[in-house]
N, C-alpha and C. Protein backbone atom coordinates (compact mmCIF):
# COMPACT_ATOMS: atom_id res chain seq x y z
N MET A 1 16.29 -13.72 14.83
CA MET A 1 15.28 -13.71 13.73
C MET A 1 15.74 -12.73 12.65
N ILE A 2 15.66 -13.14 11.38
CA ILE A 2 16.11 -12.35 10.27
C ILE A 2 15.34 -11.05 10.18
N TYR A 3 14.04 -11.05 10.52
CA TYR A 3 13.21 -9.87 10.40
C TYR A 3 13.63 -8.82 11.43
N ASP A 4 14.11 -9.22 12.56
CA ASP A 4 14.59 -8.20 13.53
C ASP A 4 15.69 -7.37 12.95
N LYS A 5 16.61 -7.98 12.27
CA LYS A 5 17.73 -7.28 11.62
C LYS A 5 17.18 -6.39 10.51
N THR A 6 16.29 -6.96 9.70
CA THR A 6 15.74 -6.22 8.56
C THR A 6 14.95 -4.99 9.01
N TYR A 7 14.10 -5.17 9.97
CA TYR A 7 13.33 -4.05 10.45
C TYR A 7 14.11 -3.02 11.20
N SER A 8 15.22 -3.43 11.84
CA SER A 8 16.10 -2.52 12.54
C SER A 8 16.85 -1.62 11.53
N ASN A 9 17.19 -2.18 10.42
CA ASN A 9 18.03 -1.48 9.42
C ASN A 9 17.26 -0.71 8.35
N THR A 10 15.96 -1.05 8.19
CA THR A 10 15.22 -0.46 7.08
C THR A 10 13.83 -0.04 7.55
N GLU A 11 13.53 1.21 7.26
CA GLU A 11 12.19 1.70 7.52
C GLU A 11 11.27 1.28 6.39
N ASN A 12 10.07 0.91 6.73
CA ASN A 12 9.03 0.61 5.74
C ASN A 12 9.49 -0.44 4.70
N VAL A 13 9.94 -1.58 5.22
CA VAL A 13 10.43 -2.65 4.37
C VAL A 13 9.46 -2.99 3.27
N PHE A 14 8.19 -3.03 3.62
CA PHE A 14 7.15 -3.42 2.65
C PHE A 14 6.34 -2.22 2.18
N GLY A 15 6.92 -1.02 2.35
CA GLY A 15 6.22 0.20 1.94
C GLY A 15 5.39 0.78 3.03
N ILE A 16 4.73 1.90 2.72
CA ILE A 16 3.93 2.62 3.74
C ILE A 16 2.42 2.45 3.49
N HIS A 17 2.08 1.96 2.26
CA HIS A 17 0.68 1.85 1.90
C HIS A 17 0.16 0.47 2.27
N PRO A 18 -1.11 0.37 2.60
CA PRO A 18 -1.73 -0.93 2.89
C PRO A 18 -1.89 -1.74 1.60
N GLU A 19 -2.19 -3.01 1.78
CA GLU A 19 -2.47 -3.82 0.62
C GLU A 19 -3.68 -3.26 -0.13
N THR A 20 -3.62 -3.33 -1.45
CA THR A 20 -4.67 -2.78 -2.31
C THR A 20 -6.04 -3.39 -1.99
N ILE A 21 -6.07 -4.68 -1.78
CA ILE A 21 -7.38 -5.33 -1.53
C ILE A 21 -7.95 -4.92 -0.20
N LEU A 22 -7.11 -4.54 0.77
CA LEU A 22 -7.62 -4.02 2.04
C LEU A 22 -8.27 -2.66 1.83
N GLU A 23 -7.60 -1.80 1.08
CA GLU A 23 -8.15 -0.50 0.77
C GLU A 23 -9.49 -0.63 0.01
N LYS A 24 -9.53 -1.53 -0.90
CA LYS A 24 -10.72 -1.67 -1.78
C LYS A 24 -11.94 -2.18 -1.03
N TYR A 25 -11.70 -3.09 0.01
CA TYR A 25 -12.84 -3.73 0.64
C TYR A 25 -12.95 -3.37 2.15
N VAL A 26 -12.26 -2.34 2.57
CA VAL A 26 -12.35 -1.94 3.98
C VAL A 26 -13.78 -1.55 4.39
N HIS A 27 -14.55 -1.09 3.41
CA HIS A 27 -15.96 -0.68 3.70
C HIS A 27 -16.82 -1.84 4.14
N LYS A 28 -16.37 -3.04 3.88
CA LYS A 28 -17.15 -4.23 4.27
C LYS A 28 -16.86 -4.70 5.71
N LEU A 29 -15.90 -4.11 6.35
CA LEU A 29 -15.52 -4.52 7.71
C LEU A 29 -16.47 -3.91 8.76
N GLU A 30 -16.75 -4.70 9.79
CA GLU A 30 -17.54 -4.21 10.92
C GLU A 30 -16.58 -3.61 11.97
N LYS A 31 -16.99 -2.52 12.55
CA LYS A 31 -16.16 -1.88 13.61
C LYS A 31 -16.54 -2.36 15.02
N THR A 32 -17.56 -3.19 15.12
CA THR A 32 -18.01 -3.64 16.45
C THR A 32 -17.07 -4.69 17.04
N ARG A 33 -16.25 -5.34 16.14
CA ARG A 33 -15.32 -6.35 16.61
C ARG A 33 -13.94 -6.07 16.00
N PRO A 34 -12.88 -6.45 16.68
CA PRO A 34 -11.51 -6.14 16.20
C PRO A 34 -11.13 -6.95 14.97
N VAL A 35 -10.07 -6.50 14.36
CA VAL A 35 -9.44 -7.20 13.24
C VAL A 35 -8.14 -7.82 13.71
N LEU A 36 -7.82 -9.01 13.24
CA LEU A 36 -6.55 -9.66 13.55
C LEU A 36 -5.59 -9.55 12.39
N ASP A 37 -4.39 -8.97 12.65
CA ASP A 37 -3.37 -8.86 11.62
C ASP A 37 -2.26 -9.86 11.96
N ILE A 38 -2.25 -10.98 11.22
CA ILE A 38 -1.25 -12.01 11.44
C ILE A 38 0.02 -11.68 10.67
N GLY A 39 1.06 -11.41 11.40
CA GLY A 39 2.28 -10.94 10.75
C GLY A 39 2.22 -9.43 10.55
N ILE A 40 2.07 -8.71 11.61
CA ILE A 40 1.80 -7.25 11.56
C ILE A 40 2.98 -6.50 10.95
N GLY A 41 4.18 -7.02 11.09
CA GLY A 41 5.34 -6.38 10.53
C GLY A 41 5.53 -4.97 11.09
N GLN A 42 5.76 -4.02 10.19
CA GLN A 42 5.97 -2.64 10.64
C GLN A 42 4.65 -1.85 10.72
N GLY A 43 3.51 -2.57 10.50
CA GLY A 43 2.24 -2.02 10.84
C GLY A 43 1.45 -1.30 9.76
N ARG A 44 1.90 -1.35 8.52
CA ARG A 44 1.24 -0.55 7.50
C ARG A 44 -0.26 -0.83 7.33
N ASN A 45 -0.63 -2.11 7.41
CA ASN A 45 -2.06 -2.42 7.26
C ASN A 45 -2.88 -2.11 8.53
N SER A 46 -2.29 -2.37 9.69
CA SER A 46 -2.94 -2.05 10.93
C SER A 46 -3.10 -0.56 11.13
N PHE A 47 -2.07 0.21 10.76
CA PHE A 47 -2.19 1.69 10.89
C PHE A 47 -3.29 2.22 10.02
N PHE A 48 -3.39 1.67 8.84
CA PHE A 48 -4.47 2.12 7.89
C PHE A 48 -5.83 1.90 8.54
N LEU A 49 -6.03 0.71 9.14
CA LEU A 49 -7.33 0.41 9.80
C LEU A 49 -7.54 1.28 11.07
N ALA A 50 -6.50 1.42 11.85
CA ALA A 50 -6.61 2.21 13.07
C ALA A 50 -6.99 3.65 12.80
N LYS A 51 -6.45 4.21 11.73
CA LYS A 51 -6.81 5.59 11.39
C LYS A 51 -8.26 5.72 11.01
N LYS A 52 -8.90 4.62 10.61
CA LYS A 52 -10.30 4.62 10.28
C LYS A 52 -11.18 4.24 11.45
N GLY A 53 -10.58 4.08 12.62
CA GLY A 53 -11.31 3.79 13.82
C GLY A 53 -11.50 2.35 14.18
N PHE A 54 -10.78 1.43 13.50
CA PHE A 54 -10.90 0.02 13.83
C PHE A 54 -9.96 -0.35 14.99
N GLN A 55 -10.42 -1.38 15.76
CA GLN A 55 -9.52 -1.97 16.75
C GLN A 55 -8.78 -3.14 16.09
N VAL A 56 -7.50 -3.25 16.40
CA VAL A 56 -6.69 -4.27 15.76
C VAL A 56 -5.85 -5.01 16.80
N ASP A 57 -5.82 -6.35 16.66
CA ASP A 57 -4.86 -7.17 17.37
C ASP A 57 -3.76 -7.51 16.34
N GLY A 58 -2.53 -7.30 16.68
CA GLY A 58 -1.46 -7.60 15.76
C GLY A 58 -0.43 -8.57 16.35
N ILE A 59 -0.11 -9.63 15.66
CA ILE A 59 0.85 -10.59 16.15
C ILE A 59 2.05 -10.67 15.20
N ASP A 60 3.22 -10.93 15.75
CA ASP A 60 4.40 -11.07 14.95
C ASP A 60 5.49 -11.68 15.83
N LEU A 61 6.34 -12.49 15.26
CA LEU A 61 7.47 -13.07 16.01
C LEU A 61 8.59 -12.08 16.24
N SER A 62 8.67 -11.03 15.43
CA SER A 62 9.78 -10.09 15.53
C SER A 62 9.57 -9.10 16.68
N GLU A 63 10.48 -9.11 17.63
CA GLU A 63 10.43 -8.15 18.73
C GLU A 63 10.54 -6.73 18.27
N VAL A 64 11.42 -6.50 17.29
CA VAL A 64 11.62 -5.17 16.75
C VAL A 64 10.31 -4.66 16.14
N ALA A 65 9.63 -5.51 15.37
CA ALA A 65 8.38 -5.11 14.75
C ALA A 65 7.32 -4.74 15.79
N ILE A 66 7.22 -5.58 16.79
CA ILE A 66 6.19 -5.35 17.83
C ILE A 66 6.47 -4.06 18.60
N GLU A 67 7.74 -3.83 18.95
CA GLU A 67 8.08 -2.61 19.70
C GLU A 67 7.82 -1.38 18.83
N SER A 68 8.12 -1.46 17.57
CA SER A 68 7.93 -0.32 16.65
C SER A 68 6.44 0.03 16.54
N VAL A 69 5.62 -0.99 16.30
CA VAL A 69 4.18 -0.78 16.15
C VAL A 69 3.61 -0.23 17.46
N LEU A 70 4.01 -0.81 18.56
CA LEU A 70 3.51 -0.36 19.85
C LEU A 70 3.86 1.08 20.13
N SER A 71 5.12 1.51 19.81
CA SER A 71 5.52 2.87 20.02
C SER A 71 4.72 3.86 19.22
N ILE A 72 4.52 3.55 17.92
CA ILE A 72 3.73 4.42 17.07
C ILE A 72 2.24 4.46 17.51
N SER A 73 1.72 3.30 17.88
CA SER A 73 0.35 3.25 18.33
C SER A 73 0.07 4.09 19.54
N LYS A 74 1.03 4.05 20.49
CA LYS A 74 0.87 4.87 21.70
C LYS A 74 0.92 6.38 21.38
N LYS A 75 1.83 6.72 20.47
CA LYS A 75 1.98 8.14 20.07
C LYS A 75 0.76 8.61 19.35
N GLU A 76 0.21 7.82 18.47
CA GLU A 76 -0.92 8.24 17.66
C GLU A 76 -2.31 7.88 18.31
N LYS A 77 -2.21 7.23 19.46
CA LYS A 77 -3.40 6.78 20.18
C LYS A 77 -4.28 5.85 19.38
N PHE A 78 -3.62 4.92 18.62
CA PHE A 78 -4.34 3.93 17.84
C PHE A 78 -4.79 2.81 18.76
N GLN A 79 -5.90 2.21 18.39
CA GLN A 79 -6.44 1.06 19.15
C GLN A 79 -5.84 -0.23 18.58
N ILE A 80 -4.53 -0.38 18.81
CA ILE A 80 -3.85 -1.56 18.34
C ILE A 80 -3.20 -2.27 19.54
N LYS A 81 -3.48 -3.53 19.73
CA LYS A 81 -2.82 -4.35 20.73
C LYS A 81 -1.87 -5.29 20.04
N THR A 82 -0.62 -5.37 20.55
CA THR A 82 0.38 -6.19 19.89
C THR A 82 0.79 -7.36 20.78
N TYR A 83 1.14 -8.45 20.11
CA TYR A 83 1.57 -9.67 20.79
C TYR A 83 2.75 -10.28 20.02
N GLN A 84 3.80 -10.50 20.76
CA GLN A 84 4.98 -11.17 20.12
C GLN A 84 4.74 -12.68 20.19
N LYS A 85 4.00 -13.13 19.26
CA LYS A 85 3.57 -14.57 19.21
C LYS A 85 3.49 -15.00 17.75
N SER A 86 3.63 -16.30 17.55
CA SER A 86 3.26 -16.91 16.27
C SER A 86 1.79 -17.22 16.32
N PHE A 87 1.16 -17.47 15.18
CA PHE A 87 -0.25 -17.81 15.20
C PHE A 87 -0.45 -19.15 15.90
N HIS A 88 0.59 -19.99 15.94
CA HIS A 88 0.50 -21.28 16.67
C HIS A 88 0.28 -21.05 18.18
N GLU A 89 0.97 -20.06 18.73
CA GLU A 89 0.95 -19.78 20.15
C GLU A 89 -0.12 -18.83 20.60
N PHE A 90 -0.56 -17.98 19.69
CA PHE A 90 -1.49 -16.93 20.05
C PHE A 90 -2.84 -17.44 20.53
N VAL A 91 -3.29 -16.89 21.63
CA VAL A 91 -4.64 -17.24 22.15
C VAL A 91 -5.42 -15.92 22.26
N PRO A 92 -6.37 -15.67 21.40
CA PRO A 92 -7.12 -14.40 21.43
C PRO A 92 -7.87 -14.22 22.74
N LYS A 93 -7.91 -12.97 23.21
CA LYS A 93 -8.68 -12.69 24.40
C LYS A 93 -10.16 -12.64 24.11
N SER A 94 -10.49 -12.34 22.88
CA SER A 94 -11.89 -12.26 22.52
C SER A 94 -12.06 -12.60 21.03
N THR A 95 -13.00 -13.47 20.74
CA THR A 95 -13.32 -13.82 19.38
C THR A 95 -14.85 -13.83 19.22
N PRO A 96 -15.38 -13.78 18.04
CA PRO A 96 -14.70 -13.84 16.77
C PRO A 96 -14.18 -12.49 16.31
N TYR A 97 -13.31 -12.52 15.31
CA TYR A 97 -12.82 -11.27 14.66
C TYR A 97 -13.71 -10.92 13.50
N SER A 98 -13.79 -9.61 13.26
CA SER A 98 -14.54 -9.17 12.08
C SER A 98 -13.82 -9.50 10.82
N ALA A 99 -12.46 -9.52 10.91
CA ALA A 99 -11.63 -9.90 9.72
C ALA A 99 -10.26 -10.35 10.21
N ILE A 100 -9.67 -11.15 9.37
CA ILE A 100 -8.27 -11.60 9.67
C ILE A 100 -7.44 -11.30 8.40
N LEU A 101 -6.28 -10.69 8.65
CA LEU A 101 -5.37 -10.36 7.54
C LEU A 101 -4.26 -11.38 7.50
N VAL A 102 -3.97 -11.97 6.36
CA VAL A 102 -2.92 -12.95 6.17
C VAL A 102 -2.11 -12.54 4.94
N PHE A 103 -1.34 -11.53 5.09
CA PHE A 103 -0.55 -10.98 3.95
C PHE A 103 0.86 -11.47 4.01
N GLY A 104 1.31 -12.14 2.96
CA GLY A 104 2.69 -12.55 2.81
C GLY A 104 3.14 -13.64 3.75
N LEU A 105 2.23 -14.38 4.30
CA LEU A 105 2.59 -15.42 5.29
C LEU A 105 2.60 -16.82 4.70
N ILE A 106 1.64 -17.15 3.88
CA ILE A 106 1.49 -18.52 3.38
C ILE A 106 2.72 -18.98 2.69
N GLN A 107 3.41 -18.12 1.92
CA GLN A 107 4.53 -18.58 1.15
C GLN A 107 5.75 -18.90 1.99
N ILE A 108 5.75 -18.52 3.28
CA ILE A 108 6.91 -18.88 4.12
C ILE A 108 6.59 -19.98 5.13
N LEU A 109 5.48 -20.68 4.88
CA LEU A 109 5.08 -21.79 5.75
C LEU A 109 5.16 -23.11 5.01
N ASP A 110 5.29 -24.20 5.77
CA ASP A 110 5.14 -25.55 5.13
C ASP A 110 3.68 -25.92 5.19
N TRP A 111 3.32 -27.04 4.57
CA TRP A 111 1.90 -27.39 4.45
C TRP A 111 1.22 -27.68 5.82
N LYS A 112 1.99 -28.25 6.70
CA LYS A 112 1.44 -28.54 8.02
C LYS A 112 1.01 -27.23 8.70
N SER A 113 1.88 -26.24 8.61
CA SER A 113 1.55 -24.96 9.23
C SER A 113 0.43 -24.24 8.49
N ILE A 114 0.38 -24.38 7.18
CA ILE A 114 -0.70 -23.78 6.39
C ILE A 114 -2.04 -24.29 6.84
N HIS A 115 -2.14 -25.63 7.02
CA HIS A 115 -3.40 -26.23 7.43
C HIS A 115 -3.71 -25.81 8.91
N ALA A 116 -2.67 -25.67 9.76
CA ALA A 116 -2.92 -25.24 11.10
C ALA A 116 -3.40 -23.79 11.13
N LEU A 117 -2.87 -22.97 10.22
CA LEU A 117 -3.33 -21.59 10.07
C LEU A 117 -4.78 -21.53 9.72
N ILE A 118 -5.17 -22.30 8.71
CA ILE A 118 -6.57 -22.36 8.28
C ILE A 118 -7.50 -22.81 9.41
N ASP A 119 -7.07 -23.79 10.18
CA ASP A 119 -7.89 -24.25 11.32
C ASP A 119 -8.10 -23.10 12.29
N ARG A 120 -7.07 -22.32 12.58
CA ARG A 120 -7.21 -21.24 13.53
C ARG A 120 -8.09 -20.11 12.96
N ILE A 121 -7.96 -19.83 11.69
CA ILE A 121 -8.80 -18.84 11.07
C ILE A 121 -10.29 -19.27 11.19
N ASN A 122 -10.54 -20.52 10.98
CA ASN A 122 -11.92 -21.06 11.16
C ASN A 122 -12.41 -20.88 12.57
N GLN A 123 -11.52 -21.09 13.53
CA GLN A 123 -11.91 -20.99 14.94
C GLN A 123 -12.12 -19.54 15.34
N TRP A 124 -11.42 -18.62 14.76
CA TRP A 124 -11.43 -17.25 15.20
C TRP A 124 -12.35 -16.32 14.42
N THR A 125 -13.18 -16.96 13.52
CA THR A 125 -14.15 -16.16 12.73
C THR A 125 -15.56 -16.71 12.92
N GLN A 126 -16.51 -15.96 12.42
CA GLN A 126 -17.91 -16.40 12.42
C GLN A 126 -18.55 -16.01 11.09
N LYS A 127 -19.83 -16.31 10.93
CA LYS A 127 -20.50 -15.99 9.67
C LYS A 127 -20.31 -14.49 9.36
N ASN A 128 -19.98 -14.22 8.13
CA ASN A 128 -19.77 -12.88 7.59
C ASN A 128 -18.43 -12.22 7.92
N SER A 129 -17.59 -12.95 8.75
CA SER A 129 -16.23 -12.45 8.98
C SER A 129 -15.49 -12.52 7.66
N LEU A 130 -14.54 -11.59 7.44
CA LEU A 130 -13.77 -11.54 6.19
C LEU A 130 -12.34 -12.08 6.48
N VAL A 131 -11.74 -12.61 5.42
CA VAL A 131 -10.35 -13.01 5.48
C VAL A 131 -9.64 -12.48 4.21
N PHE A 132 -8.53 -11.75 4.45
CA PHE A 132 -7.77 -11.19 3.38
C PHE A 132 -6.43 -11.95 3.24
N ILE A 133 -6.12 -12.43 2.04
CA ILE A 133 -4.96 -13.28 1.81
C ILE A 133 -4.18 -12.86 0.61
N THR A 134 -2.84 -12.89 0.73
CA THR A 134 -1.97 -12.88 -0.47
C THR A 134 -1.02 -14.07 -0.31
N ALA A 135 -0.64 -14.63 -1.48
CA ALA A 135 0.26 -15.77 -1.50
C ALA A 135 0.99 -15.76 -2.80
N PHE A 136 1.97 -16.64 -2.96
CA PHE A 136 2.76 -16.73 -4.18
C PHE A 136 2.27 -17.93 -5.03
N SER A 137 2.27 -17.70 -6.32
CA SER A 137 1.86 -18.71 -7.31
C SER A 137 3.08 -19.51 -7.79
N ILE A 138 2.84 -20.71 -8.27
CA ILE A 138 3.90 -21.49 -8.87
C ILE A 138 4.44 -20.81 -10.13
N LYS A 139 3.77 -19.83 -10.63
CA LYS A 139 4.24 -19.08 -11.81
C LYS A 139 5.24 -18.00 -11.43
N ASP A 140 5.44 -17.78 -10.12
CA ASP A 140 6.40 -16.79 -9.67
C ASP A 140 7.82 -17.21 -10.12
N THR A 141 8.63 -16.27 -10.50
CA THR A 141 9.98 -16.57 -10.99
C THR A 141 10.86 -17.23 -9.96
N SER A 142 10.58 -17.00 -8.66
CA SER A 142 11.42 -17.58 -7.59
C SER A 142 11.10 -19.08 -7.39
N TYR A 143 10.01 -19.56 -7.97
CA TYR A 143 9.66 -20.97 -7.84
C TYR A 143 10.78 -21.85 -8.35
N LYS A 144 11.32 -21.55 -9.51
CA LYS A 144 12.38 -22.38 -10.08
C LYS A 144 13.63 -22.37 -9.23
N LYS A 145 13.94 -21.19 -8.68
CA LYS A 145 15.11 -21.05 -7.83
C LYS A 145 15.02 -21.95 -6.59
N TYR A 146 13.89 -21.88 -5.92
CA TYR A 146 13.76 -22.67 -4.70
C TYR A 146 13.63 -24.17 -5.01
N SER A 147 13.02 -24.48 -6.11
CA SER A 147 12.85 -25.91 -6.45
C SER A 147 14.20 -26.55 -6.78
N LYS A 148 15.17 -25.77 -7.23
CA LYS A 148 16.49 -26.25 -7.57
C LYS A 148 17.43 -26.25 -6.36
N GLU A 149 17.34 -25.20 -5.56
CA GLU A 149 18.33 -25.01 -4.47
C GLU A 149 17.93 -25.54 -3.12
N TRP A 150 16.63 -25.69 -2.91
CA TRP A 150 16.14 -26.18 -1.59
C TRP A 150 15.54 -27.59 -1.72
N LYS A 151 15.45 -28.21 -0.58
CA LYS A 151 14.88 -29.60 -0.52
C LYS A 151 13.38 -29.58 -0.63
N ALA A 152 12.85 -30.42 -1.51
CA ALA A 152 11.40 -30.55 -1.64
C ALA A 152 10.84 -31.31 -0.45
N ILE A 153 9.80 -30.76 0.19
CA ILE A 153 9.23 -31.35 1.41
C ILE A 153 7.72 -31.61 1.27
N GLY A 154 7.19 -31.25 0.10
CA GLY A 154 5.77 -31.46 -0.11
C GLY A 154 5.38 -30.84 -1.43
N LYS A 155 4.12 -30.76 -1.70
CA LYS A 155 3.60 -30.25 -2.98
C LYS A 155 4.04 -28.82 -3.15
N ASN A 156 4.92 -28.55 -4.10
CA ASN A 156 5.42 -27.19 -4.41
C ASN A 156 5.90 -26.48 -3.14
N SER A 157 6.54 -27.22 -2.24
CA SER A 157 6.96 -26.69 -0.97
C SER A 157 8.43 -27.12 -0.74
N PHE A 158 9.26 -26.17 -0.25
CA PHE A 158 10.71 -26.40 -0.17
C PHE A 158 11.24 -25.86 1.15
N CYS A 159 12.38 -26.42 1.56
CA CYS A 159 13.00 -26.05 2.84
C CYS A 159 14.53 -26.04 2.69
N ASP A 160 15.18 -25.03 3.39
CA ASP A 160 16.61 -25.02 3.43
C ASP A 160 17.14 -25.65 4.67
N ASN A 161 18.43 -25.61 4.88
CA ASN A 161 19.04 -26.28 6.03
C ASN A 161 18.72 -25.59 7.36
N ASN A 162 18.22 -24.34 7.30
CA ASN A 162 17.89 -23.58 8.52
C ASN A 162 16.39 -23.61 8.78
N GLU A 163 15.69 -24.54 8.13
CA GLU A 163 14.24 -24.68 8.29
C GLU A 163 13.46 -23.43 7.91
N ASN A 164 13.94 -22.75 6.86
CA ASN A 164 13.16 -21.72 6.22
C ASN A 164 12.35 -22.37 5.12
N TYR A 165 11.09 -21.91 4.91
CA TYR A 165 10.17 -22.60 3.97
C TYR A 165 9.72 -21.65 2.89
N ARG A 166 9.42 -22.23 1.71
CA ARG A 166 8.75 -21.52 0.66
C ARG A 166 7.75 -22.51 0.03
N THR A 167 6.53 -22.07 -0.02
CA THR A 167 5.43 -22.90 -0.55
C THR A 167 4.64 -22.07 -1.58
N PHE A 168 4.45 -22.65 -2.72
CA PHE A 168 3.76 -21.96 -3.85
C PHE A 168 2.45 -22.66 -4.17
N LEU A 169 1.46 -21.92 -4.55
CA LEU A 169 0.13 -22.48 -4.77
C LEU A 169 -0.14 -22.59 -6.29
N GLU A 170 -0.80 -23.62 -6.66
CA GLU A 170 -1.23 -23.81 -8.05
C GLU A 170 -2.47 -22.90 -8.35
N PRO A 171 -2.77 -22.67 -9.60
CA PRO A 171 -3.97 -21.82 -9.95
C PRO A 171 -5.22 -22.32 -9.28
N ASN A 172 -5.93 -21.44 -8.63
CA ASN A 172 -7.21 -21.70 -7.94
C ASN A 172 -7.12 -22.59 -6.72
N GLU A 173 -5.91 -22.99 -6.35
CA GLU A 173 -5.74 -23.91 -5.19
C GLU A 173 -6.16 -23.21 -3.92
N ILE A 174 -5.93 -21.90 -3.83
CA ILE A 174 -6.26 -21.20 -2.61
C ILE A 174 -7.76 -21.27 -2.29
N VAL A 175 -8.59 -21.26 -3.31
CA VAL A 175 -10.04 -21.35 -3.11
C VAL A 175 -10.42 -22.71 -2.51
N GLU A 176 -9.73 -23.76 -2.98
CA GLU A 176 -10.01 -25.06 -2.46
C GLU A 176 -9.66 -25.21 -0.97
N LEU A 177 -8.75 -24.44 -0.51
CA LEU A 177 -8.31 -24.50 0.90
C LEU A 177 -9.34 -23.81 1.81
N PHE A 178 -10.19 -22.99 1.25
CA PHE A 178 -11.18 -22.23 2.04
C PHE A 178 -12.59 -22.49 1.56
N LYS A 179 -13.05 -23.72 1.67
CA LYS A 179 -14.34 -24.10 1.16
C LYS A 179 -15.52 -23.61 1.98
N ASN A 180 -15.24 -23.17 3.22
CA ASN A 180 -16.32 -22.69 4.04
C ASN A 180 -16.53 -21.18 3.89
N TYR A 181 -16.01 -20.64 2.82
CA TYR A 181 -16.07 -19.19 2.58
C TYR A 181 -16.54 -18.89 1.18
N ASN A 182 -17.19 -17.77 1.04
CA ASN A 182 -17.56 -17.25 -0.29
C ASN A 182 -16.46 -16.30 -0.76
N SER A 183 -16.14 -16.36 -2.02
CA SER A 183 -15.08 -15.50 -2.56
C SER A 183 -15.68 -14.16 -2.98
N ILE A 184 -15.18 -13.09 -2.40
CA ILE A 184 -15.56 -11.72 -2.77
C ILE A 184 -14.63 -11.17 -3.88
N HIS A 185 -13.36 -11.56 -3.73
CA HIS A 185 -12.35 -11.10 -4.68
C HIS A 185 -11.32 -12.22 -4.85
N HIS A 186 -11.02 -12.55 -6.06
CA HIS A 186 -10.00 -13.59 -6.34
C HIS A 186 -9.27 -13.18 -7.61
N TRP A 187 -7.97 -12.93 -7.46
CA TRP A 187 -7.16 -12.50 -8.60
C TRP A 187 -5.80 -13.21 -8.52
N GLU A 188 -5.34 -13.67 -9.69
CA GLU A 188 -4.01 -14.26 -9.77
C GLU A 188 -3.31 -13.67 -10.98
N GLY A 189 -2.14 -13.10 -10.76
CA GLY A 189 -1.42 -12.50 -11.86
C GLY A 189 -0.15 -11.82 -11.40
N LEU A 190 0.48 -11.14 -12.37
CA LEU A 190 1.75 -10.50 -12.08
C LEU A 190 1.52 -9.18 -11.34
N GLY A 191 2.06 -9.07 -10.13
CA GLY A 191 1.93 -7.92 -9.31
C GLY A 191 2.83 -6.76 -9.75
N PRO A 192 2.72 -5.63 -9.07
CA PRO A 192 3.51 -4.44 -9.45
C PRO A 192 5.01 -4.60 -9.08
N GLU A 193 5.86 -3.89 -9.75
CA GLU A 193 7.26 -3.81 -9.40
C GLU A 193 7.39 -3.10 -8.05
N HIS A 194 8.31 -3.56 -7.22
CA HIS A 194 8.49 -2.95 -5.92
C HIS A 194 9.89 -3.21 -5.40
N LYS A 195 10.24 -2.54 -4.27
CA LYS A 195 11.53 -2.77 -3.64
C LYS A 195 11.32 -2.91 -2.16
N HIS A 196 12.24 -3.62 -1.50
CA HIS A 196 12.25 -3.73 -0.09
C HIS A 196 13.51 -3.05 0.46
N GLY A 197 13.35 -1.79 0.83
CA GLY A 197 14.48 -0.99 1.25
C GLY A 197 15.43 -0.78 0.09
N ASP A 198 16.71 -1.20 0.24
CA ASP A 198 17.74 -1.01 -0.77
C ASP A 198 17.89 -2.23 -1.70
N SER A 199 16.97 -3.18 -1.57
CA SER A 199 17.05 -4.40 -2.38
C SER A 199 16.76 -4.11 -3.84
N PRO A 200 17.12 -4.97 -4.74
CA PRO A 200 16.76 -4.79 -6.17
C PRO A 200 15.26 -4.77 -6.37
N ILE A 201 14.84 -4.26 -7.49
CA ILE A 201 13.41 -4.27 -7.82
C ILE A 201 12.92 -5.67 -8.04
N GLU A 202 11.75 -5.98 -7.47
CA GLU A 202 11.16 -7.31 -7.57
C GLU A 202 9.77 -7.21 -8.20
N GLN A 203 9.32 -8.32 -8.73
CA GLN A 203 7.97 -8.44 -9.25
C GLN A 203 7.52 -9.87 -9.11
N HIS A 204 6.42 -10.11 -8.39
CA HIS A 204 5.99 -11.47 -8.09
C HIS A 204 4.68 -11.81 -8.77
N HIS A 205 4.52 -13.10 -9.03
CA HIS A 205 3.24 -13.57 -9.52
C HIS A 205 2.40 -13.93 -8.29
N LEU A 206 1.39 -13.10 -8.05
CA LEU A 206 0.63 -13.12 -6.76
C LEU A 206 -0.73 -13.80 -6.87
N ILE A 207 -1.19 -14.17 -5.72
CA ILE A 207 -2.57 -14.61 -5.55
C ILE A 207 -3.20 -13.69 -4.48
N GLU A 208 -4.33 -13.12 -4.84
CA GLU A 208 -5.07 -12.28 -3.90
C GLU A 208 -6.44 -12.91 -3.67
N LEU A 209 -6.87 -12.85 -2.42
CA LEU A 209 -8.20 -13.44 -2.11
C LEU A 209 -8.82 -12.68 -0.96
N VAL A 210 -10.10 -12.37 -1.12
CA VAL A 210 -10.91 -11.80 -0.05
C VAL A 210 -12.12 -12.71 0.08
N LEU A 211 -12.28 -13.26 1.31
CA LEU A 211 -13.32 -14.22 1.58
C LEU A 211 -14.28 -13.77 2.63
N GLU A 212 -15.49 -14.26 2.54
CA GLU A 212 -16.51 -14.04 3.55
C GLU A 212 -16.99 -15.36 4.05
N LYS A 213 -16.93 -15.55 5.35
CA LYS A 213 -17.34 -16.84 5.95
C LYS A 213 -18.81 -17.09 5.75
N LYS A 214 -19.16 -18.32 5.36
CA LYS A 214 -20.57 -18.65 5.09
C LYS A 214 -21.32 -18.82 6.42
């Protein structure tokens, strides 16, 4: 897995701070039920929640990521349980979740997996549960690159020879995908400049969404 190598070679690939929308709306989360972090990575969002006393279930396919989060959680005595699973394979021990985090995942899935993800989010939440999402817009500069270099496999969705995927959403399309939810926060625009380790500076056209289940 490419992320195993990346996480092994680079600390804090995605930074040390949690997503801005998580910081802004953390006060709306209930502590009586755990939060699910899909794609926990190196743990920045889960650590932020754990420091505030939340219980977190974190899933990720990367063994390196899971081992790293588990090690830090044990040292800091965080209430974080980790599972080396994809969301397709993961079976929660207890639901519903108070919130589900889906940061940076949608853009690396094909449409079949995106709809499967939405189905699982629906299954794992209840009324007033929150869902935090970031995704890439078709306005992102990388859209042209992937549309030219990779095979088109669906609406604004592309695949390379190794079955890596990139899917971009049209304006307001994200809201249509989550009709059983009320929108608390919805923003689409150019995000901040940032780096992943020693990589060049990047800036993406992002979609941010915070939802509350009806």
